[in-house]
Amino acid sequence: MEFPSWAEYERLIYSLPETYPQIASSTLRLYSTSALTAIVEGSIWMCNGLELRVVEALDFKIGRIQRYSYIIFRDDEKIRWYDPEPHAEIPELASTFPHHYHEPPDIKRNRKPAPGISFESPNLPTLIADCITLGNSMITGPSASD
């Protein structure tokens, strides 16, 4: 899949609330840092009470996400974050290397593979789906996500 153009990425982030009825509101904005680079920054609030905070550095010339930070909060509690810090020493993360997420218990050290997260395509659809699933599992209990 080809990385989206600037206009396509802009359309993606600004149409999220219309595309996903599970989104209550969004403050995501795309800020130009040069002719072919941008920063996406802001929050997506889900109807299930979760907040997804997003920071992405985009390079449209080479067609990739250069850096990212995605953090999911429930109220003021950080319940999951995604990062690409390599952990080659953890074989369980090899399937999505270097992309993974952290979650409780022991959120700093509890790392899981992050399918659908990459530098080569937009991650927002995967993250929104994860927020929906995570919110549903918090309502119905752990068996709903197993």
Protein backbone atom coordinates (compact mmCIF):
# COMPACT_ATOMS: atom_id res chain seq x y z
CA MET A 1 0.00 0.00 0.00
CA GLU A 2 1.34 3.42 -0.95
CA PHE A 3 1.72 6.03 1.78
CA PRO A 4 -1.06 8.64 1.48
CA SER A 5 -0.43 12.09 0.06
CA TRP A 6 -0.59 15.17 2.29
CA ALA A 7 -4.18 15.85 1.15
CA GLU A 8 -5.23 12.23 1.75
CA TYR A 9 -3.69 12.20 5.25
CA GLU A 10 -5.40 15.48 6.05
CA ARG A 11 -8.73 14.05 4.86
CA LEU A 12 -8.15 10.96 7.00
CA ILE A 13 -7.56 12.83 10.27
CA TYR A 14 -10.26 15.46 9.78
CA SER A 15 -12.93 12.92 8.78
CA LEU A 16 -12.34 10.49 11.67
CA PRO A 17 -15.42 11.54 13.72
CA GLU A 18 -17.66 11.08 10.66
CA THR A 19 -16.01 7.78 9.73
CA TYR A 20 -16.13 6.22 13.21
CA PRO A 21 -19.34 6.78 15.21
CA GLN A 22 -17.47 5.52 18.30
CA ILE A 23 -15.47 8.79 18.34
CA ALA A 24 -17.02 11.49 20.51
CA SER A 25 -14.59 14.22 19.41
CA SER A 26 -11.13 14.86 18.01
CA THR A 27 -8.57 17.65 18.29
CA LEU A 28 -6.10 16.06 15.84
CA ARG A 29 -4.38 18.65 13.67
CA LEU A 30 -1.80 18.40 10.92
CA TYR A 31 0.90 21.08 11.20
CA SER A 32 3.36 21.81 8.41
CA THR A 33 7.04 21.72 9.39
CA SER A 34 8.35 22.07 5.81
CA ALA A 35 7.06 21.64 2.26
CA LEU A 36 6.97 17.83 2.62
CA THR A 37 6.95 17.16 6.38
CA ALA A 38 4.31 17.58 9.06
CA ILE A 39 3.40 16.85 12.64
CA VAL A 40 0.04 15.34 13.62
CA GLU A 41 -0.88 16.16 17.19
CA GLY A 42 -3.96 16.02 19.38
CA SER A 43 -6.42 13.70 21.07
CA ILE A 44 -9.30 11.49 20.05
CA TRP A 45 -11.98 11.00 22.69
CA MET A 46 -13.96 7.81 22.33
CA CYS A 47 -17.60 7.40 23.36
CA ASN A 48 -16.43 4.61 25.72
CA GLY A 49 -14.49 7.19 27.80
CA LEU A 50 -11.00 6.47 26.47
CA GLU A 51 -8.69 9.19 25.19
CA LEU A 52 -6.08 8.45 22.52
CA ARG A 53 -3.25 10.99 22.46
CA VAL A 54 -1.41 11.11 19.16
CA VAL A 55 1.90 12.59 18.01
CA GLU A 56 3.28 11.65 14.59
CA ALA A 57 6.14 13.09 12.55
CA LEU A 58 5.35 12.51 8.87
CA ASP A 59 7.63 12.67 5.84
CA PHE A 60 5.61 12.80 2.63
CA LYS A 61 8.70 12.88 0.43
CA ILE A 62 9.81 9.38 1.45
CA GLY A 63 6.28 8.32 2.39
CA ARG A 64 6.55 7.24 5.99
CA ILE A 65 5.90 8.02 9.61
CA GLN A 66 9.29 9.05 11.00
CA ARG A 67 8.33 8.94 14.70
CA TYR A 68 5.20 8.39 16.73
CA SER A 69 3.77 8.36 20.21
CA TYR A 70 0.35 6.91 20.93
CA ILE A 71 -1.00 6.82 24.49
CA ILE A 72 -4.44 5.63 25.65
CA PHE A 73 -5.87 7.07 28.86
CA ARG A 74 -8.90 6.16 30.91
CA ASP A 75 -9.63 9.24 32.97
CA ASP A 76 -6.12 10.30 34.07
CA GLU A 77 -4.67 6.77 34.05
CA LYS A 78 -2.33 5.72 31.26
CA ILE A 79 -3.61 2.25 30.32
CA ARG A 80 -1.65 1.58 27.12
CA TRP A 81 1.05 3.14 24.99
CA TYR A 82 2.64 2.19 21.70
CA ASP A 83 6.25 2.74 20.73
CA PRO A 84 8.85 1.54 18.23
CA GLU A 85 11.77 1.26 20.67
CA PRO A 86 13.57 -1.92 19.56
CA HIS A 87 13.61 -4.81 22.03
CA ALA A 88 15.37 -7.53 20.05
CA GLU A 89 16.01 -9.35 23.31
CA ILE A 90 12.28 -10.13 23.65
CA PRO A 91 11.41 -12.89 21.13
CA GLU A 92 7.65 -12.44 21.70
CA LEU A 93 7.86 -9.03 19.96
CA ALA A 94 9.54 -10.32 16.79
CA SER A 95 6.29 -10.55 14.79
CA THR A 96 5.83 -6.75 14.79
CA PHE A 97 9.42 -5.63 15.46
CA PRO A 98 10.08 -2.91 16.47
CA HIS A 99 6.44 -1.89 17.06
CA HIS A 100 4.79 -2.92 20.32
CA TYR A 101 2.55 -1.67 23.10
CA HIS A 102 2.73 -1.57 26.89
CA GLU A 103 -0.19 -2.37 29.17
CA PRO A 104 -0.88 -3.26 32.83
CA PRO A 105 0.15 -4.99 34.93
CA ASP A 106 3.65 -3.55 35.25
CA ILE A 107 2.94 -1.29 32.27
CA LYS A 108 6.56 -0.22 31.79
CA ARG A 109 7.83 -3.78 31.30
CA ASN A 110 4.73 -5.59 29.99
CA ARG A 111 5.21 -5.37 26.23
CA LYS A 112 3.00 -6.98 23.55
CA PRO A 113 3.30 -7.16 19.74
CA ALA A 114 1.36 -4.40 17.94
CA PRO A 115 -0.11 -5.81 14.72
CA GLY A 116 -1.22 -3.10 12.30
CA ILE A 117 1.24 -0.50 13.60
CA SER A 118 3.98 0.51 11.17
CA PHE A 119 5.98 3.38 9.71
CA GLU A 120 4.67 2.71 6.18
CA SER A 121 0.93 3.37 6.49
CA PRO A 122 -1.50 5.31 8.70
CA ASN A 123 -1.87 3.78 12.16
CA LEU A 124 -5.02 5.64 13.19
CA PRO A 125 -7.53 3.02 11.95
CA THR A 126 -5.70 0.30 13.93
CA LEU A 127 -5.48 2.49 17.03
CA ILE A 128 -9.17 3.40 16.89
CA ALA A 129 -10.09 -0.28 16.52
CA ASP A 130 -7.85 -1.06 19.52
CA CYS A 131 -9.57 1.68 21.57
CA ILE A 132 -12.99 0.27 20.69
CA THR A 133 -11.94 -3.28 21.65
CA LEU A 134 -10.18 -2.09 24.80
CA GLY A 135 -13.21 -0.06 25.87
CA ASN A 136 -15.54 -3.01 25.24
CA SER A 137 -13.31 -5.34 27.28
CA MET A 138 -13.35 -2.85 30.18
CA ILE A 139 -17.14 -2.87 30.16
CA THR A 140 -17.70 -6.60 29.76
CA GLY A 141 -14.56 -7.95 31.43
CA PRO A 142 -11.47 -9.77 30.18
CA SER A 143 -13.35 -12.66 28.56
CA ALA A 144 -14.70 -10.33 25.85
CA SER A 145 -11.22 -9.77 24.43
CA ASP A 146 -10.01 -13.39 24.70
